[in-house]
Amino acid sequence: MTILIGVLVMLIVVFAFVLTVKSGQYDDMEGPAHRILMDDDDPRIPGNSPVSDSTVVSQADSEKKPK
């Protein structure tokens, strides 16, 4: 009886492991660790271009105006 329960638990664990491998959970293990060290203020990254404060205020004001 104990052997049967042990084999059943082992099959469940193997099935769960196969599902996680197929879903791609283990594809990039080092990327997030390196990504946290990257400089998000780098102007070469799209969307991080230097913007003056007046441009930000004018964009916010234009969104408030009714169209």
C-alpha atoms as a PDB file:
ATOM      1  CA  MET A   1       0.000   0.000   0.000  1.00  0.00           C
ATOM      2  CA  THR A   2       2.816   2.432   0.894  1.00  0.00           C
ATOM      3  CA  ILE A   3       4.650   1.657  -2.352  1.00  0.00           C
ATOM      4  CA  LEU A   4       1.497   2.361  -4.361  1.00  0.00           C
ATOM      5  CA  ILE A   5       1.023   5.743  -2.657  1.00  0.00           C
ATOM      6  CA  GLY A   6       4.714   6.570  -3.186  1.00  0.00           C
ATOM      7  CA  VAL A   7       4.515   5.751  -6.900  1.00  0.00           C
ATOM      8  CA  LEU A   8       1.338   7.806  -7.242  1.00  0.00           C
ATOM      9  CA  VAL A   9       2.968  10.829  -5.559  1.00  0.00           C
ATOM     10  CA  MET A  10       6.041  10.409  -7.761  1.00  0.00           C
ATOM     11  CA  LEU A  11       3.880  10.370 -10.916  1.00  0.00           C
ATOM     12  CA  ILE A  12       2.086  13.536  -9.803  1.00  0.00           C
ATOM     13  CA  VAL A  13       5.414  15.294  -9.189  1.00  0.00           C
ATOM     14  CA  VAL A  14       6.811  14.200 -12.559  1.00  0.00           C
ATOM     15  CA  PHE A  15       3.629  15.351 -14.307  1.00  0.00           C
ATOM     16  CA  ALA A  16       3.806  18.767 -12.585  1.00  0.00           C
ATOM     17  CA  PHE A  17       7.490  19.114 -13.549  1.00  0.00           C
ATOM     18  CA  VAL A  18       6.760  18.287 -17.205  1.00  0.00           C
ATOM     19  CA  LEU A  19       3.990  20.896 -17.265  1.00  0.00           C
ATOM     20  CA  THR A  20       6.305  23.592 -15.888  1.00  0.00           C
ATOM     21  CA  VAL A  21       9.039  22.748 -18.408  1.00  0.00           C
ATOM     22  CA  LYS A  22       6.573  22.865 -21.324  1.00  0.00           C
ATOM     23  CA  SER A  23       5.175  26.222 -20.158  1.00  0.00           C
ATOM     24  CA  GLY A  24       8.666  27.760 -20.427  1.00  0.00           C
ATOM     25  CA  GLN A  25       9.106  28.537 -16.755  1.00  0.00           C
ATOM     26  CA  TYR A  26      12.795  27.559 -16.787  1.00  0.00           C
ATOM     27  CA  ASP A  27      13.783  29.159 -20.129  1.00  0.00           C
ATOM     28  CA  ASP A  28      15.632  32.242 -18.840  1.00  0.00           C
ATOM     29  CA  MET A  29      16.985  31.816 -15.344  1.00  0.00           C
ATOM     30  CA  GLU A  30      19.684  34.525 -15.481  1.00  0.00           C
ATOM     31  CA  GLY A  31      17.851  37.279 -17.395  1.00  0.00           C
ATOM     32  CA  PRO A  32      15.879  38.780 -14.479  1.00  0.00           C
ATOM     33  CA  ALA A  33      19.003  38.784 -12.290  1.00  0.00           C
ATOM     34  CA  HIS A  34      20.954  40.764 -14.904  1.00  0.00           C
ATOM     35  CA  ARG A  35      18.019  42.982 -15.902  1.00  0.00           C
ATOM     36  CA  ILE A  36      17.749  44.463 -12.411  1.00  0.00           C
ATOM     37  CA  LEU A  37      21.304  45.787 -12.763  1.00  0.00           C
ATOM     38  CA  MET A  38      20.555  47.629 -16.024  1.00  0.00           C
ATOM     39  CA  ASP A  39      20.279  51.406 -15.967  1.00  0.00           C
ATOM     40  CA  ASP A  40      16.686  52.370 -16.797  1.00  0.00           C
ATOM     41  CA  ASP A  41      17.681  56.025 -17.248  1.00  0.00           C
ATOM     42  CA  ASP A  42      19.803  55.210 -20.280  1.00  0.00           C
ATOM     43  CA  PRO A  43      18.663  57.455 -23.178  1.00  0.00           C
ATOM     44  CA  ARG A  44      19.398  54.661 -25.653  1.00  0.00           C
ATOM     45  CA  ILE A  45      16.450  52.682 -24.253  1.00  0.00           C
ATOM     46  CA  PRO A  46      13.271  53.553 -26.202  1.00  0.00           C
ATOM     47  CA  GLY A  47      10.978  55.788 -24.171  1.00  0.00           C
ATOM     48  CA  ASN A  48      13.776  57.148 -21.957  1.00  0.00           C
ATOM     49  CA  SER A  49      14.689  60.216 -24.000  1.00  0.00           C
ATOM     50  CA  PRO A  50      15.524  63.313 -21.979  1.00  0.00           C
ATOM     51  CA  VAL A  51      12.377  65.440 -21.593  1.00  0.00           C
ATOM     52  CA  SER A  52      12.165  68.886 -20.026  1.00  0.00           C
ATOM     53  CA  ASP A  53       9.663  69.620 -17.254  1.00  0.00           C
ATOM     54  CA  SER A  54       7.720  72.068 -19.420  1.00  0.00           C
ATOM     55  CA  THR A  55       7.053  69.361 -22.000  1.00  0.00           C
ATOM     56  CA  VAL A  56       5.677  67.046 -19.328  1.00  0.00           C
ATOM     57  CA  VAL A  57       3.406  69.786 -17.944  1.00  0.00           C
ATOM     58  CA  SER A  58       2.155  70.756 -21.406  1.00  0.00           C
ATOM     59  CA  GLN A  59       1.339  67.120 -22.190  1.00  0.00           C
ATOM     60  CA  ALA A  60      -0.571  66.797 -18.913  1.00  0.00           C
ATOM     61  CA  ASP A  61      -2.501  70.023 -19.610  1.00  0.00           C
ATOM     62  CA  SER A  62      -3.426  68.893 -23.119  1.00  0.00           C
ATOM     63  CA  GLU A  63      -4.923  65.678 -21.723  1.00  0.00           C
ATOM     64  CA  LYS A  64      -7.179  67.653 -19.341  1.00  0.00           C
ATOM     65  CA  LYS A  65      -8.689  69.834 -22.064  1.00  0.00           C
ATOM     66  CA  PRO A  66     -12.039  68.597 -23.416  1.00  0.00           C
ATOM     67  CA  LYS A  67     -12.020  67.559 -27.043  1.00  0.00           C
END
